[in-house]
Every structure is written in C-alpha cells, then in structure tokens.
N, C-alpha and C. Protein backbone atom coordinates (compact mmCIF):
# COMPACT_ATOMS: atom_id res chain seq x y z
N MET A 1 -9.30 -90.67 -124.94
CA MET A 1 -8.48 -90.67 -123.75
C MET A 1 -9.33 -90.21 -122.57
N LYS A 2 -9.07 -90.78 -121.41
CA LYS A 2 -9.81 -90.43 -120.20
C LYS A 2 -8.97 -89.44 -119.40
N ILE A 3 -9.60 -88.34 -118.98
CA ILE A 3 -8.92 -87.27 -118.26
C ILE A 3 -9.65 -87.03 -116.94
N GLU A 4 -8.90 -86.86 -115.87
CA GLU A 4 -9.46 -86.47 -114.57
C GLU A 4 -9.46 -84.95 -114.50
N THR A 5 -10.61 -84.36 -114.12
CA THR A 5 -10.71 -82.91 -113.97
C THR A 5 -11.27 -82.57 -112.61
N TYR A 6 -10.96 -81.40 -112.13
CA TYR A 6 -11.47 -80.93 -110.85
C TYR A 6 -12.97 -80.65 -110.93
N LEU A 7 -13.40 -79.99 -112.00
CA LEU A 7 -14.80 -79.58 -112.13
C LEU A 7 -15.74 -80.70 -112.58
N PHE A 8 -15.26 -81.56 -113.47
CA PHE A 8 -16.14 -82.52 -114.13
C PHE A 8 -15.86 -83.97 -113.75
N GLY A 9 -14.86 -84.22 -112.92
CA GLY A 9 -14.48 -85.59 -112.61
C GLY A 9 -13.80 -86.22 -113.80
N ALA A 10 -13.98 -87.52 -113.96
CA ALA A 10 -13.37 -88.24 -115.08
C ALA A 10 -14.22 -88.02 -116.33
N VAL A 11 -13.57 -87.58 -117.41
CA VAL A 11 -14.27 -87.37 -118.67
C VAL A 11 -13.50 -88.03 -119.80
N GLU A 12 -14.23 -88.49 -120.79
CA GLU A 12 -13.65 -89.07 -121.98
C GLU A 12 -13.51 -87.95 -123.02
N VAL A 13 -12.31 -87.77 -123.54
CA VAL A 13 -12.04 -86.72 -124.53
C VAL A 13 -11.46 -87.38 -125.77
N SER A 14 -12.15 -87.21 -126.89
CA SER A 14 -11.60 -87.77 -128.12
C SER A 14 -10.48 -86.86 -128.61
N PRO A 15 -9.40 -87.44 -129.11
CA PRO A 15 -8.23 -86.64 -129.53
C PRO A 15 -8.56 -85.54 -130.54
N GLU A 16 -9.57 -85.76 -131.40
CA GLU A 16 -9.90 -84.73 -132.39
C GLU A 16 -10.66 -83.54 -131.78
N LYS A 17 -10.99 -83.61 -130.50
CA LYS A 17 -11.66 -82.50 -129.82
C LYS A 17 -10.69 -81.65 -129.00
N VAL A 18 -9.43 -82.03 -128.94
CA VAL A 18 -8.43 -81.30 -128.16
C VAL A 18 -8.04 -80.03 -128.90
N ILE A 19 -7.97 -78.91 -128.17
CA ILE A 19 -7.50 -77.64 -128.71
C ILE A 19 -6.10 -77.42 -128.15
N ASN A 20 -5.13 -77.25 -129.03
CA ASN A 20 -3.75 -77.05 -128.62
C ASN A 20 -3.41 -75.56 -128.62
N PHE A 21 -2.80 -75.12 -127.53
CA PHE A 21 -2.25 -73.77 -127.42
C PHE A 21 -0.74 -73.96 -127.28
N PRO A 22 0.00 -73.99 -128.40
CA PRO A 22 1.44 -74.31 -128.36
C PRO A 22 2.25 -73.44 -127.39
N SER A 23 1.84 -72.20 -127.18
CA SER A 23 2.56 -71.31 -126.26
C SER A 23 1.91 -71.27 -124.89
N GLY A 24 0.86 -72.05 -124.67
CA GLY A 24 0.13 -72.00 -123.41
C GLY A 24 -0.65 -70.70 -123.31
N LEU A 25 -1.10 -70.39 -122.11
CA LEU A 25 -1.80 -69.14 -121.83
C LEU A 25 -0.97 -68.33 -120.85
N VAL A 26 -1.17 -67.03 -120.80
CA VAL A 26 -0.39 -66.15 -119.94
C VAL A 26 -0.48 -66.64 -118.49
N GLY A 27 0.68 -66.91 -117.92
CA GLY A 27 0.76 -67.40 -116.55
C GLY A 27 0.59 -68.90 -116.43
N PHE A 28 0.21 -69.56 -117.51
CA PHE A 28 -0.02 -71.01 -117.50
C PHE A 28 0.62 -71.63 -118.75
N GLU A 29 1.87 -71.28 -118.99
CA GLU A 29 2.56 -71.68 -120.21
C GLU A 29 2.76 -73.19 -120.33
N ASP A 30 2.71 -73.91 -119.20
CA ASP A 30 2.91 -75.36 -119.25
C ASP A 30 1.65 -76.12 -119.66
N SER A 31 0.51 -75.48 -119.60
CA SER A 31 -0.74 -76.12 -120.03
C SER A 31 -0.98 -75.77 -121.48
N LYS A 32 -0.91 -76.78 -122.33
CA LYS A 32 -1.00 -76.54 -123.76
C LYS A 32 -2.20 -77.23 -124.41
N ARG A 33 -2.76 -78.24 -123.75
CA ARG A 33 -3.88 -78.99 -124.32
C ARG A 33 -5.14 -78.70 -123.50
N PHE A 34 -6.22 -78.36 -124.21
CA PHE A 34 -7.47 -78.00 -123.56
C PHE A 34 -8.65 -78.65 -124.27
N MET A 35 -9.75 -78.72 -123.56
CA MET A 35 -11.02 -79.13 -124.16
C MET A 35 -12.06 -78.10 -123.78
N LEU A 36 -13.11 -77.99 -124.59
CA LEU A 36 -14.23 -77.11 -124.28
C LEU A 36 -15.36 -77.94 -123.70
N ALA A 37 -15.98 -77.41 -122.66
CA ALA A 37 -17.14 -78.07 -122.08
C ALA A 37 -18.21 -77.01 -121.86
N HIS A 38 -19.46 -77.44 -121.88
CA HIS A 38 -20.56 -76.54 -121.55
C HIS A 38 -21.68 -77.37 -120.94
N GLU A 39 -22.66 -76.67 -120.43
CA GLU A 39 -23.77 -77.32 -119.73
C GLU A 39 -24.49 -78.31 -120.65
N GLU A 40 -24.72 -79.52 -120.16
CA GLU A 40 -25.42 -80.55 -120.93
C GLU A 40 -26.80 -80.06 -121.35
N GLY A 41 -27.20 -80.41 -122.56
CA GLY A 41 -28.53 -80.07 -123.05
C GLY A 41 -28.69 -78.64 -123.51
N ASN A 42 -27.62 -77.86 -123.50
CA ASN A 42 -27.69 -76.47 -123.93
C ASN A 42 -26.97 -76.34 -125.26
N ASP A 43 -27.74 -76.26 -126.35
CA ASP A 43 -27.16 -76.17 -127.69
C ASP A 43 -26.58 -74.79 -127.99
N GLN A 44 -27.00 -73.76 -127.27
CA GLN A 44 -26.54 -72.39 -127.48
C GLN A 44 -25.98 -71.83 -126.16
N PRO A 45 -24.87 -72.37 -125.65
CA PRO A 45 -24.36 -71.89 -124.37
C PRO A 45 -23.84 -70.45 -124.46
N VAL A 46 -23.97 -69.73 -123.36
CA VAL A 46 -23.46 -68.36 -123.30
C VAL A 46 -21.96 -68.38 -123.02
N SER A 47 -21.55 -69.30 -122.16
CA SER A 47 -20.12 -69.41 -121.85
C SER A 47 -19.71 -70.88 -121.91
N TYR A 48 -18.41 -71.07 -122.00
CA TYR A 48 -17.83 -72.41 -122.06
C TYR A 48 -16.78 -72.52 -120.97
N THR A 49 -16.46 -73.73 -120.60
CA THR A 49 -15.33 -73.98 -119.72
C THR A 49 -14.19 -74.50 -120.59
N LEU A 50 -13.06 -73.82 -120.52
CA LEU A 50 -11.86 -74.24 -121.21
C LEU A 50 -11.04 -75.01 -120.17
N GLN A 51 -11.11 -76.33 -120.23
CA GLN A 51 -10.49 -77.21 -119.25
C GLN A 51 -9.13 -77.67 -119.73
N SER A 52 -8.11 -77.46 -118.91
CA SER A 52 -6.77 -77.94 -119.25
C SER A 52 -6.75 -79.46 -119.15
N LEU A 53 -6.12 -80.10 -120.12
CA LEU A 53 -5.92 -81.54 -120.09
C LEU A 53 -4.57 -81.87 -119.47
N ASP A 54 -3.73 -80.86 -119.26
CA ASP A 54 -2.42 -81.05 -118.67
C ASP A 54 -2.43 -80.83 -117.16
N ASP A 55 -3.39 -80.07 -116.66
CA ASP A 55 -3.53 -79.78 -115.23
C ASP A 55 -5.00 -79.88 -114.87
N PRO A 56 -5.42 -80.94 -114.19
CA PRO A 56 -6.85 -81.13 -113.90
C PRO A 56 -7.47 -80.03 -113.04
N ASN A 57 -6.64 -79.24 -112.36
CA ASN A 57 -7.15 -78.17 -111.50
C ASN A 57 -7.27 -76.83 -112.22
N LEU A 58 -6.93 -76.80 -113.51
CA LEU A 58 -6.94 -75.54 -114.25
C LEU A 58 -8.08 -75.50 -115.26
N ALA A 59 -8.96 -74.53 -115.09
CA ALA A 59 -10.07 -74.33 -116.03
C ALA A 59 -10.42 -72.85 -116.05
N PHE A 60 -10.88 -72.38 -117.20
CA PHE A 60 -11.26 -70.99 -117.37
C PHE A 60 -12.67 -70.93 -117.94
N GLN A 61 -13.45 -69.95 -117.53
CA GLN A 61 -14.72 -69.66 -118.20
C GLN A 61 -14.40 -68.71 -119.34
N ILE A 62 -14.89 -69.02 -120.53
CA ILE A 62 -14.66 -68.16 -121.68
C ILE A 62 -16.01 -67.83 -122.33
N VAL A 63 -16.03 -66.71 -123.04
CA VAL A 63 -17.26 -66.24 -123.65
C VAL A 63 -16.93 -65.55 -124.98
N ASP A 64 -17.86 -65.62 -125.91
CA ASP A 64 -17.74 -64.89 -127.18
C ASP A 64 -17.89 -63.40 -126.86
N PRO A 65 -16.91 -62.57 -127.21
CA PRO A 65 -16.98 -61.15 -126.86
C PRO A 65 -18.17 -60.42 -127.47
N THR A 66 -18.71 -60.90 -128.58
CA THR A 66 -19.85 -60.22 -129.18
C THR A 66 -21.08 -60.31 -128.28
N LEU A 67 -21.15 -61.34 -127.44
CA LEU A 67 -22.27 -61.44 -126.50
C LEU A 67 -22.20 -60.36 -125.43
N LEU A 68 -21.00 -59.80 -125.23
CA LEU A 68 -20.81 -58.72 -124.26
C LEU A 68 -20.79 -57.35 -124.94
N GLY A 69 -20.98 -57.34 -126.28
CA GLY A 69 -21.00 -56.09 -127.02
C GLY A 69 -19.64 -55.64 -127.52
N PHE A 70 -18.64 -56.52 -127.52
CA PHE A 70 -17.31 -56.16 -127.99
C PHE A 70 -17.08 -56.75 -129.38
N ASN A 71 -16.48 -55.95 -130.23
CA ASN A 71 -16.08 -56.41 -131.56
C ASN A 71 -14.60 -56.12 -131.72
N TYR A 72 -13.82 -57.15 -131.95
CA TYR A 72 -12.38 -56.99 -132.13
C TYR A 72 -12.03 -56.94 -133.61
N GLU A 73 -11.05 -56.11 -133.93
CA GLU A 73 -10.36 -56.14 -135.21
C GLU A 73 -8.92 -56.45 -134.87
N LEU A 74 -8.55 -57.71 -135.01
CA LEU A 74 -7.21 -58.14 -134.62
C LEU A 74 -6.34 -58.35 -135.85
N ALA A 75 -5.13 -57.84 -135.78
CA ALA A 75 -4.15 -58.09 -136.83
C ALA A 75 -3.14 -59.09 -136.29
N LEU A 76 -3.00 -60.22 -136.99
CA LEU A 76 -2.04 -61.24 -136.57
C LEU A 76 -0.71 -61.00 -137.28
N ASN A 77 0.39 -61.13 -136.54
CA ASN A 77 1.69 -61.03 -137.19
C ASN A 77 2.00 -62.36 -137.88
N ASP A 78 3.09 -62.43 -138.60
CA ASP A 78 3.43 -63.63 -139.37
C ASP A 78 3.57 -64.86 -138.48
N ALA A 79 4.20 -64.70 -137.31
CA ALA A 79 4.40 -65.83 -136.40
C ALA A 79 3.06 -66.34 -135.86
N GLU A 80 2.16 -65.42 -135.50
CA GLU A 80 0.84 -65.82 -135.00
C GLU A 80 0.03 -66.51 -136.10
N ASN A 81 0.09 -65.96 -137.29
CA ASN A 81 -0.62 -66.56 -138.42
C ASN A 81 -0.09 -67.97 -138.70
N ALA A 82 1.22 -68.15 -138.63
CA ALA A 82 1.82 -69.47 -138.84
C ALA A 82 1.41 -70.43 -137.73
N LEU A 83 1.42 -69.98 -136.49
CA LEU A 83 1.03 -70.82 -135.37
C LEU A 83 -0.41 -71.30 -135.53
N LEU A 84 -1.27 -70.41 -136.03
CA LEU A 84 -2.68 -70.76 -136.24
C LEU A 84 -2.91 -71.49 -137.56
N GLN A 85 -1.84 -71.75 -138.30
CA GLN A 85 -1.90 -72.49 -139.56
C GLN A 85 -2.69 -71.75 -140.63
N SER A 86 -2.51 -70.43 -140.70
CA SER A 86 -3.12 -69.57 -141.73
C SER A 86 -4.60 -69.86 -141.94
N PRO A 87 -5.41 -69.64 -140.92
CA PRO A 87 -6.83 -70.00 -141.03
C PRO A 87 -7.62 -69.07 -141.94
N ALA A 88 -8.69 -69.60 -142.51
CA ALA A 88 -9.66 -68.77 -143.23
C ALA A 88 -10.44 -68.00 -142.17
N PRO A 89 -10.89 -66.78 -142.47
CA PRO A 89 -11.61 -65.99 -141.47
C PRO A 89 -12.79 -66.72 -140.84
N GLU A 90 -13.51 -67.53 -141.62
CA GLU A 90 -14.68 -68.23 -141.05
C GLU A 90 -14.28 -69.36 -140.11
N ASP A 91 -13.00 -69.72 -140.06
CA ASP A 91 -12.53 -70.77 -139.16
C ASP A 91 -11.92 -70.22 -137.87
N VAL A 92 -12.03 -68.91 -137.66
CA VAL A 92 -11.44 -68.27 -136.48
C VAL A 92 -12.53 -67.90 -135.48
N ALA A 93 -12.29 -68.28 -134.23
CA ALA A 93 -13.16 -67.87 -133.12
C ALA A 93 -12.32 -67.03 -132.17
N VAL A 94 -12.88 -65.91 -131.74
CA VAL A 94 -12.23 -65.06 -130.75
C VAL A 94 -13.06 -65.18 -129.47
N MET A 95 -12.38 -65.46 -128.37
CA MET A 95 -13.06 -65.65 -127.09
C MET A 95 -12.34 -64.82 -126.02
N GLN A 96 -13.08 -64.48 -124.97
CA GLN A 96 -12.50 -63.77 -123.84
C GLN A 96 -12.54 -64.66 -122.61
N ILE A 97 -11.46 -64.62 -121.84
CA ILE A 97 -11.43 -65.32 -120.56
C ILE A 97 -12.11 -64.42 -119.53
N LEU A 98 -12.97 -65.00 -118.74
CA LEU A 98 -13.62 -64.27 -117.64
C LEU A 98 -12.84 -64.51 -116.36
N PHE A 99 -12.74 -63.48 -115.53
CA PHE A 99 -12.09 -63.66 -114.24
C PHE A 99 -12.86 -62.91 -113.17
N LYS A 100 -12.68 -63.36 -111.96
CA LYS A 100 -13.39 -62.78 -110.82
C LYS A 100 -12.54 -61.69 -110.19
N THR A 101 -13.16 -60.55 -109.92
CA THR A 101 -12.51 -59.47 -109.19
C THR A 101 -13.27 -59.25 -107.90
N ASP A 102 -12.59 -58.70 -106.94
CA ASP A 102 -13.22 -58.41 -105.65
C ASP A 102 -12.76 -57.04 -105.20
N GLU A 103 -13.62 -56.05 -105.44
CA GLU A 103 -13.27 -54.67 -105.06
C GLU A 103 -14.25 -54.18 -104.02
N GLY A 104 -13.73 -53.75 -102.91
CA GLY A 104 -14.57 -53.22 -101.85
C GLY A 104 -15.56 -54.25 -101.31
N GLY A 105 -15.19 -55.51 -101.32
CA GLY A 105 -16.07 -56.55 -100.80
C GLY A 105 -17.15 -57.00 -101.77
N LYS A 106 -17.14 -56.46 -102.99
CA LYS A 106 -18.12 -56.85 -104.00
C LYS A 106 -17.44 -57.65 -105.10
N ALA A 107 -17.92 -58.86 -105.30
CA ALA A 107 -17.35 -59.71 -106.34
C ALA A 107 -17.99 -59.36 -107.68
N ALA A 108 -17.20 -59.42 -108.72
CA ALA A 108 -17.69 -59.16 -110.07
C ALA A 108 -16.95 -60.07 -111.05
N ILE A 109 -17.59 -60.38 -112.16
CA ILE A 109 -16.98 -61.15 -113.23
C ILE A 109 -16.62 -60.17 -114.34
N THR A 110 -15.36 -60.21 -114.79
CA THR A 110 -14.86 -59.26 -115.78
C THR A 110 -14.17 -60.01 -116.92
N PRO A 111 -14.37 -59.57 -118.16
CA PRO A 111 -13.65 -60.20 -119.28
C PRO A 111 -12.23 -59.64 -119.39
N SER A 112 -11.33 -60.46 -119.86
CA SER A 112 -9.95 -60.05 -120.11
C SER A 112 -9.89 -59.41 -121.49
N LEU A 113 -10.03 -58.09 -121.55
CA LEU A 113 -10.11 -57.38 -122.82
C LEU A 113 -8.78 -57.33 -123.56
N ARG A 114 -7.68 -57.28 -122.83
CA ARG A 114 -6.37 -57.11 -123.45
C ARG A 114 -5.72 -58.41 -123.91
N ALA A 115 -6.35 -59.54 -123.65
CA ALA A 115 -5.71 -60.81 -124.02
C ALA A 115 -6.74 -61.83 -124.49
N PRO A 116 -7.41 -61.56 -125.62
CA PRO A 116 -8.40 -62.52 -126.12
C PRO A 116 -7.72 -63.79 -126.64
N LEU A 117 -8.50 -64.85 -126.66
CA LEU A 117 -8.05 -66.10 -127.26
C LEU A 117 -8.44 -66.09 -128.73
N VAL A 118 -7.56 -66.53 -129.60
CA VAL A 118 -7.83 -66.65 -131.02
C VAL A 118 -7.65 -68.13 -131.35
N ILE A 119 -8.71 -68.76 -131.86
CA ILE A 119 -8.69 -70.20 -132.08
C ILE A 119 -9.05 -70.52 -133.53
N ASN A 120 -8.21 -71.32 -134.17
CA ASN A 120 -8.52 -71.87 -135.49
C ASN A 120 -9.38 -73.10 -135.20
N THR A 121 -10.69 -72.99 -135.44
CA THR A 121 -11.61 -74.06 -135.09
C THR A 121 -11.45 -75.30 -135.97
N ARG A 122 -10.97 -75.12 -137.18
CA ARG A 122 -10.78 -76.26 -138.07
C ARG A 122 -9.54 -77.07 -137.66
N ALA A 123 -8.41 -76.39 -137.40
CA ALA A 123 -7.17 -77.06 -137.03
C ALA A 123 -7.09 -77.34 -135.52
N ARG A 124 -7.99 -76.71 -134.75
CA ARG A 124 -8.04 -76.88 -133.29
C ARG A 124 -6.73 -76.46 -132.62
N VAL A 125 -6.27 -75.28 -133.02
CA VAL A 125 -5.07 -74.70 -132.45
C VAL A 125 -5.37 -73.24 -132.10
N GLY A 126 -4.78 -72.76 -131.01
CA GLY A 126 -5.09 -71.40 -130.59
C GLY A 126 -3.91 -70.69 -129.96
N LEU A 127 -4.13 -69.41 -129.72
CA LEU A 127 -3.15 -68.59 -129.04
C LEU A 127 -3.87 -67.52 -128.24
N GLN A 128 -3.16 -66.95 -127.28
CA GLN A 128 -3.68 -65.82 -126.54
C GLN A 128 -2.98 -64.58 -127.07
N LYS A 129 -3.76 -63.68 -127.64
CA LYS A 129 -3.22 -62.46 -128.27
C LYS A 129 -3.16 -61.37 -127.21
N VAL A 130 -1.96 -61.14 -126.69
CA VAL A 130 -1.78 -60.11 -125.67
C VAL A 130 -1.54 -58.78 -126.37
N MET A 131 -2.40 -57.82 -126.09
CA MET A 131 -2.29 -56.50 -126.71
C MET A 131 -1.69 -55.53 -125.71
N GLU A 132 -0.55 -54.96 -126.07
CA GLU A 132 0.13 -54.00 -125.19
C GLU A 132 -0.73 -52.76 -124.99
N ASN A 133 -1.29 -52.28 -126.07
CA ASN A 133 -2.13 -51.07 -126.01
C ASN A 133 -3.50 -51.41 -126.54
N MET A 134 -4.51 -50.92 -125.86
CA MET A 134 -5.86 -51.08 -126.38
C MET A 134 -6.00 -50.11 -127.54
N ARG A 135 -6.38 -50.66 -128.67
CA ARG A 135 -6.54 -49.83 -129.86
C ARG A 135 -7.97 -49.33 -129.94
N PRO A 136 -8.16 -48.14 -130.49
CA PRO A 136 -9.51 -47.57 -130.54
C PRO A 136 -10.46 -48.30 -131.50
N ASN A 137 -9.98 -49.34 -132.21
CA ASN A 137 -10.89 -50.02 -133.12
C ASN A 137 -11.69 -51.13 -132.43
N ILE A 138 -11.62 -51.21 -131.10
CA ILE A 138 -12.52 -52.10 -130.37
C ILE A 138 -13.78 -51.29 -130.14
N SER A 139 -14.89 -51.79 -130.61
CA SER A 139 -16.14 -51.04 -130.50
C SER A 139 -17.09 -51.75 -129.56
N LEU A 140 -17.89 -50.97 -128.88
CA LEU A 140 -18.92 -51.48 -127.99
C LEU A 140 -20.26 -51.33 -128.70
N SER A 141 -21.07 -52.37 -128.61
CA SER A 141 -22.40 -52.28 -129.20
C SER A 141 -23.40 -52.92 -128.26
N ASN A 142 -24.65 -52.74 -128.54
CA ASN A 142 -25.72 -53.35 -127.75
C ASN A 142 -25.68 -52.93 -126.29
N LEU A 143 -25.31 -51.68 -126.03
CA LEU A 143 -25.29 -51.22 -124.65
C LEU A 143 -26.71 -51.09 -124.12
N ALA A 144 -26.89 -51.46 -122.87
CA ALA A 144 -28.21 -51.42 -122.25
C ALA A 144 -28.65 -49.98 -122.00
N SER A 145 -27.70 -49.09 -121.77
CA SER A 145 -28.05 -47.69 -121.53
C SER A 145 -27.01 -46.80 -122.17
N PRO A 146 -27.36 -45.57 -122.48
CA PRO A 146 -26.38 -44.67 -123.10
C PRO A 146 -25.22 -44.39 -122.15
N VAL A 147 -24.06 -44.18 -122.73
CA VAL A 147 -22.87 -43.89 -121.92
C VAL A 147 -22.81 -42.40 -121.66
C-alpha cells in the first residue's frame, strides 16, 4: 500500500510491515497503524521514526532504552498480555518515545520514561505501557560519570 507522510513523502508499505497499536498511543488514540523507518544505509540505527499510517502528520522518534542506560522490568497484566498475543520474551521489544522540551530557552530531547512502548515483533502488535508510579526496579547503567 502507498502512504503519504509528512516526513518521507509517498512511501510504499507492505502490509506485513505494519505495526498495530489497537489502543493507539496516549493522546493519539485514533492512530493505530504505524510503520518503522530509519536512515537509509544504516543497518544499526540508534533511533527509529514511528510513522502513523492513519495520520500522515504524526510521527515519533523512538529509541531502545538500553542505549540510554535504562533497563525495564515490566509486568504485563492479563489484558496487556492478551493484546500482545502472549509473546515469547525474545519476541518483545521495549522502546521509548523521545520528545522535545524547552526549558529556559534551551531545547533538549528527553525519553518518555513512564510510558514505554511494548511491541510483539513477531505478531507486529504493540501497546504503550503507562506506569502510574515509577518503580525502583528501573536501573541505570553505562553512566558517563558518577552520580
């Protein structure tokens, strides 16, 4: 199928590459179908663009949290597990959405720590896991300097 996007123009997306988020994403519940894109010729991208196929103007930069030194231990409830089609652990990818902040005139890129994406890579279905409370089992590693 051919999709018009704001960032990439017209792109061809094969149906087996579509990632479905049945509940949408927080604040964007109407966008349920997405594709992943990354820089051409880069086999090991640091970040990806999660492009909505339902809204050509909607795209998010996402990144593997381990590249930022975060390790999640997420417990899925029965409904989340069912939505993800009971994936095997090796078929699950956890990603963070990056967003831009502007404090005191200085722009910064920040990961969304409280709402990671959980994707069953085999079934190509995902959800956004909103955590009410940050649990202490999120660990930081690979810090550039001591805290």
